[in-house]
N, C-alpha and C. Protein backbone atom coordinates (compact mmCIF):
# COMPACT_ATOMS: atom_id res chain seq x y z
N MET A 1 16.59 7.14 -6.80
CA MET A 1 16.31 7.58 -8.15
C MET A 1 17.20 8.79 -8.43
N ARG A 2 17.79 8.78 -9.58
CA ARG A 2 18.62 9.90 -9.99
C ARG A 2 17.76 11.07 -10.44
N LEU A 3 18.37 12.22 -10.46
CA LEU A 3 17.66 13.44 -10.86
C LEU A 3 17.19 13.34 -12.31
N SER A 4 17.97 12.73 -13.17
CA SER A 4 17.57 12.61 -14.58
C SER A 4 16.34 11.72 -14.71
N GLY A 5 16.26 10.65 -13.92
CA GLY A 5 15.08 9.79 -13.95
C GLY A 5 13.85 10.50 -13.42
N PHE A 6 14.04 11.30 -12.38
CA PHE A 6 12.92 12.07 -11.84
C PHE A 6 12.40 13.08 -12.86
N VAL A 7 13.31 13.76 -13.52
CA VAL A 7 12.91 14.76 -14.53
C VAL A 7 12.19 14.07 -15.68
N ARG A 8 12.69 12.93 -16.12
CA ARG A 8 12.04 12.20 -17.21
C ARG A 8 10.63 11.76 -16.81
N ASN A 9 10.48 11.22 -15.59
CA ASN A 9 9.16 10.79 -15.13
C ASN A 9 8.21 11.97 -14.95
N ALA A 10 8.72 13.08 -14.45
CA ALA A 10 7.89 14.27 -14.28
C ALA A 10 7.44 14.82 -15.64
N ALA A 11 8.33 14.80 -16.62
CA ALA A 11 7.96 15.28 -17.96
C ALA A 11 6.92 14.36 -18.58
N PHE A 12 7.06 13.05 -18.40
CA PHE A 12 6.09 12.11 -18.93
C PHE A 12 4.72 12.31 -18.26
N ALA A 13 4.71 12.52 -16.96
CA ALA A 13 3.46 12.76 -16.25
C ALA A 13 2.82 14.06 -16.73
N PHE A 14 3.62 15.08 -16.97
CA PHE A 14 3.10 16.35 -17.45
C PHE A 14 2.48 16.21 -18.84
N VAL A 15 3.13 15.44 -19.72
CA VAL A 15 2.59 15.21 -21.06
C VAL A 15 1.25 14.46 -20.97
N LEU A 16 1.18 13.46 -20.09
CA LEU A 16 -0.09 12.75 -19.91
C LEU A 16 -1.19 13.67 -19.38
N LEU A 17 -0.83 14.55 -18.46
CA LEU A 17 -1.80 15.52 -17.96
C LEU A 17 -2.27 16.45 -19.06
N LEU A 18 -1.36 16.93 -19.90
CA LEU A 18 -1.74 17.79 -21.03
C LEU A 18 -2.66 17.06 -22.00
N LEU A 19 -2.40 15.78 -22.27
CA LEU A 19 -3.28 15.01 -23.15
C LEU A 19 -4.66 14.85 -22.55
N ALA A 20 -4.74 14.59 -21.25
CA ALA A 20 -6.04 14.43 -20.61
C ALA A 20 -6.83 15.74 -20.64
N VAL A 21 -6.14 16.85 -20.41
CA VAL A 21 -6.82 18.16 -20.46
C VAL A 21 -7.26 18.46 -21.90
N ALA A 22 -6.44 18.14 -22.88
CA ALA A 22 -6.80 18.38 -24.28
C ALA A 22 -8.01 17.55 -24.68
N VAL A 23 -8.06 16.29 -24.26
CA VAL A 23 -9.21 15.44 -24.57
C VAL A 23 -10.47 16.00 -23.93
N ASP A 24 -10.34 16.52 -22.72
CA ASP A 24 -11.50 17.09 -22.03
C ASP A 24 -11.97 18.37 -22.70
N ARG A 25 -11.05 19.20 -23.12
CA ARG A 25 -11.41 20.50 -23.71
C ARG A 25 -11.93 20.39 -25.15
N LEU A 26 -11.48 19.40 -25.90
CA LEU A 26 -11.89 19.30 -27.30
C LEU A 26 -13.38 18.99 -27.43
N ASP A 27 -13.87 18.07 -26.64
CA ASP A 27 -15.27 17.67 -26.65
C ASP A 27 -15.75 17.33 -28.06
N ALA A 28 -14.89 16.71 -28.85
CA ALA A 28 -15.25 16.25 -30.19
C ALA A 28 -15.85 14.85 -30.07
N PRO A 29 -16.65 14.43 -31.05
CA PRO A 29 -17.24 13.09 -30.98
C PRO A 29 -16.19 11.98 -30.89
N ALA A 30 -15.04 12.19 -31.49
CA ALA A 30 -14.01 11.16 -31.45
C ALA A 30 -13.33 11.07 -30.07
N THR A 31 -13.36 12.14 -29.30
CA THR A 31 -12.69 12.12 -27.99
C THR A 31 -13.62 11.75 -26.84
N ARG A 32 -14.91 11.66 -27.10
CA ARG A 32 -15.85 11.33 -26.01
C ARG A 32 -15.60 9.95 -25.41
N PRO A 33 -15.36 8.89 -26.21
CA PRO A 33 -15.06 7.60 -25.58
C PRO A 33 -13.78 7.62 -24.73
N VAL A 34 -12.77 8.36 -25.20
CA VAL A 34 -11.54 8.46 -24.44
C VAL A 34 -11.79 9.21 -23.14
N ARG A 35 -12.58 10.28 -23.21
CA ARG A 35 -12.92 11.05 -22.01
C ARG A 35 -13.69 10.19 -21.03
N ASN A 36 -14.66 9.44 -21.53
CA ASN A 36 -15.44 8.57 -20.64
C ASN A 36 -14.56 7.51 -19.99
N TYR A 37 -13.60 6.99 -20.73
CA TYR A 37 -12.70 5.99 -20.17
C TYR A 37 -11.82 6.61 -19.09
N ILE A 38 -11.30 7.81 -19.32
CA ILE A 38 -10.48 8.49 -18.32
C ILE A 38 -11.29 8.74 -17.05
N VAL A 39 -12.54 9.19 -17.22
CA VAL A 39 -13.40 9.42 -16.06
C VAL A 39 -13.65 8.11 -15.32
N PHE A 40 -13.87 7.03 -16.05
CA PHE A 40 -14.10 5.73 -15.41
C PHE A 40 -12.89 5.28 -14.62
N VAL A 41 -11.70 5.40 -15.22
CA VAL A 41 -10.48 4.96 -14.54
C VAL A 41 -10.22 5.79 -13.29
N LEU A 42 -10.43 7.09 -13.37
CA LEU A 42 -10.14 7.96 -12.23
C LEU A 42 -11.18 7.86 -11.13
N SER A 43 -12.39 7.43 -11.45
CA SER A 43 -13.43 7.39 -10.43
C SER A 43 -13.80 5.97 -10.00
N HIS A 44 -13.11 4.97 -10.51
CA HIS A 44 -13.43 3.58 -10.22
C HIS A 44 -12.94 3.19 -8.83
N ASP A 45 -13.80 2.56 -8.05
CA ASP A 45 -13.40 2.05 -6.74
C ASP A 45 -12.80 0.67 -6.92
N LEU A 46 -11.58 0.52 -6.47
CA LEU A 46 -10.87 -0.73 -6.60
C LEU A 46 -10.93 -1.47 -5.27
N ASP A 47 -11.42 -2.69 -5.29
CA ASP A 47 -11.46 -3.51 -4.09
C ASP A 47 -10.20 -4.36 -4.05
N TYR A 48 -9.26 -3.97 -3.22
CA TYR A 48 -7.97 -4.65 -3.16
C TYR A 48 -7.94 -5.76 -2.13
N ARG A 49 -9.00 -5.94 -1.35
CA ARG A 49 -8.99 -6.96 -0.30
C ARG A 49 -8.80 -8.39 -0.83
N PRO A 50 -9.42 -8.80 -1.95
CA PRO A 50 -9.16 -10.16 -2.45
C PRO A 50 -7.68 -10.38 -2.80
N TRP A 51 -7.03 -9.36 -3.33
CA TRP A 51 -5.62 -9.49 -3.66
C TRP A 51 -4.79 -9.64 -2.39
N LEU A 52 -5.13 -8.87 -1.35
CA LEU A 52 -4.39 -8.98 -0.10
C LEU A 52 -4.59 -10.35 0.54
N GLU A 53 -5.80 -10.89 0.46
CA GLU A 53 -6.05 -12.22 1.01
C GLU A 53 -5.27 -13.28 0.24
N ALA A 54 -5.15 -13.13 -1.07
CA ALA A 54 -4.38 -14.08 -1.86
C ALA A 54 -2.90 -14.02 -1.48
N VAL A 55 -2.39 -12.83 -1.27
CA VAL A 55 -0.99 -12.69 -0.86
C VAL A 55 -0.79 -13.25 0.54
N ARG A 56 -1.72 -12.96 1.45
CA ARG A 56 -1.62 -13.46 2.81
C ARG A 56 -1.64 -14.99 2.83
N GLY A 57 -2.43 -15.60 1.94
CA GLY A 57 -2.48 -17.05 1.88
C GLY A 57 -1.18 -17.68 1.40
N ARG A 58 -0.39 -16.93 0.64
CA ARG A 58 0.87 -17.45 0.11
C ARG A 58 2.05 -17.24 1.07
N LEU A 59 1.87 -16.36 2.04
CA LEU A 59 2.96 -16.09 2.97
C LEU A 59 3.16 -17.27 3.91
N THR A 60 4.39 -17.60 4.16
CA THR A 60 4.70 -18.64 5.14
C THR A 60 5.50 -18.00 6.25
N TRP A 61 5.07 -18.20 7.46
CA TRP A 61 5.74 -17.64 8.62
C TRP A 61 6.68 -18.66 9.20
N PRO A 62 7.81 -18.23 9.73
CA PRO A 62 8.73 -19.17 10.38
C PRO A 62 8.05 -19.82 11.58
N PRO A 63 8.47 -21.02 11.94
CA PRO A 63 7.84 -21.72 13.06
C PRO A 63 7.93 -20.95 14.37
N LEU A 64 8.88 -20.06 14.52
CA LEU A 64 9.03 -19.28 15.74
C LEU A 64 7.76 -18.50 16.05
N PHE A 65 7.12 -17.96 15.04
CA PHE A 65 5.94 -17.14 15.25
C PHE A 65 4.68 -17.96 15.46
N ARG A 66 4.72 -19.23 15.16
CA ARG A 66 3.53 -20.06 15.30
C ARG A 66 3.49 -20.84 16.60
N GLN A 67 4.60 -20.92 17.33
CA GLN A 67 4.63 -21.71 18.54
C GLN A 67 4.18 -20.89 19.73
N PRO A 68 3.17 -21.36 20.47
CA PRO A 68 2.79 -20.63 21.67
C PRO A 68 3.89 -20.74 22.72
N GLY A 69 4.08 -19.69 23.46
CA GLY A 69 5.10 -19.68 24.50
C GLY A 69 6.50 -19.41 23.99
N ALA A 70 6.62 -18.97 22.73
CA ALA A 70 7.94 -18.71 22.17
C ALA A 70 8.43 -17.31 22.51
N GLY A 71 7.70 -16.60 23.35
CA GLY A 71 8.12 -15.27 23.75
C GLY A 71 7.45 -14.17 22.97
N LEU A 72 6.56 -14.51 22.06
CA LEU A 72 5.92 -13.49 21.23
C LEU A 72 4.42 -13.39 21.46
N ASP A 73 3.86 -14.26 22.28
CA ASP A 73 2.43 -14.19 22.53
C ASP A 73 2.17 -13.36 23.78
N ALA A 74 0.92 -13.02 24.04
CA ALA A 74 0.56 -12.13 25.13
C ALA A 74 0.81 -12.76 26.49
N GLY A 75 0.84 -14.08 26.61
CA GLY A 75 1.00 -14.74 27.89
C GLY A 75 2.43 -14.99 28.29
N SER A 76 3.39 -14.59 27.47
CA SER A 76 4.77 -14.88 27.81
C SER A 76 5.28 -13.90 28.86
N VAL A 77 6.25 -14.34 29.64
CA VAL A 77 6.81 -13.52 30.70
C VAL A 77 8.30 -13.40 30.48
N ASP A 78 8.80 -12.19 30.62
CA ASP A 78 10.23 -11.94 30.49
C ASP A 78 10.90 -12.32 31.80
N PRO A 79 11.86 -13.27 31.81
CA PRO A 79 12.48 -13.68 33.07
C PRO A 79 13.31 -12.58 33.72
N ALA A 80 13.78 -11.59 32.95
CA ALA A 80 14.59 -10.52 33.51
C ALA A 80 13.74 -9.40 34.10
N ALA A 81 12.45 -9.42 33.88
CA ALA A 81 11.57 -8.37 34.38
C ALA A 81 11.34 -8.57 35.87
N PRO A 82 11.26 -7.48 36.64
CA PRO A 82 10.98 -7.62 38.08
C PRO A 82 9.57 -8.13 38.30
N GLU A 83 9.39 -8.81 39.43
CA GLU A 83 8.07 -9.35 39.75
C GLU A 83 7.12 -8.22 40.11
N PRO A 84 5.83 -8.38 39.79
CA PRO A 84 4.89 -7.33 40.18
C PRO A 84 4.85 -7.19 41.69
N GLY A 85 4.85 -5.96 42.17
CA GLY A 85 4.77 -5.68 43.61
C GLY A 85 6.11 -5.65 44.29
N ALA A 86 7.20 -5.95 43.56
CA ALA A 86 8.53 -5.90 44.17
C ALA A 86 8.97 -4.46 44.34
N SER A 87 9.62 -4.17 45.46
CA SER A 87 10.06 -2.80 45.69
C SER A 87 11.27 -2.49 44.84
N GLY A 88 11.48 -1.22 44.59
CA GLY A 88 12.56 -0.81 43.71
C GLY A 88 13.90 -0.67 44.40
N GLY A 89 14.26 -1.49 45.36
CA GLY A 89 15.58 -1.43 45.96
C GLY A 89 15.54 -1.17 47.46
N ARG A 90 14.42 -1.07 48.09
CA ARG A 90 14.34 -0.82 49.54
C ARG A 90 14.00 -2.04 50.29
């Protein structure tokens, strides 16, 4: 991101913060629904697990990762590794 884009985004975020503070401080009847909505959005718990499950269901893994014994499962053995119990050169 360029510096000009960062400054523009920071200025936009600052303006939004000023608007939120102004809505909170005014406490006029017309601003109460907006204030309640801001409080709802900021305090709402979002359950993202269903979205992650949907994405996981769409992912396709290459056959390499699905084949047992392809070198990626816990039972595979590296042929270049020394045998257990072998001495280190003596």
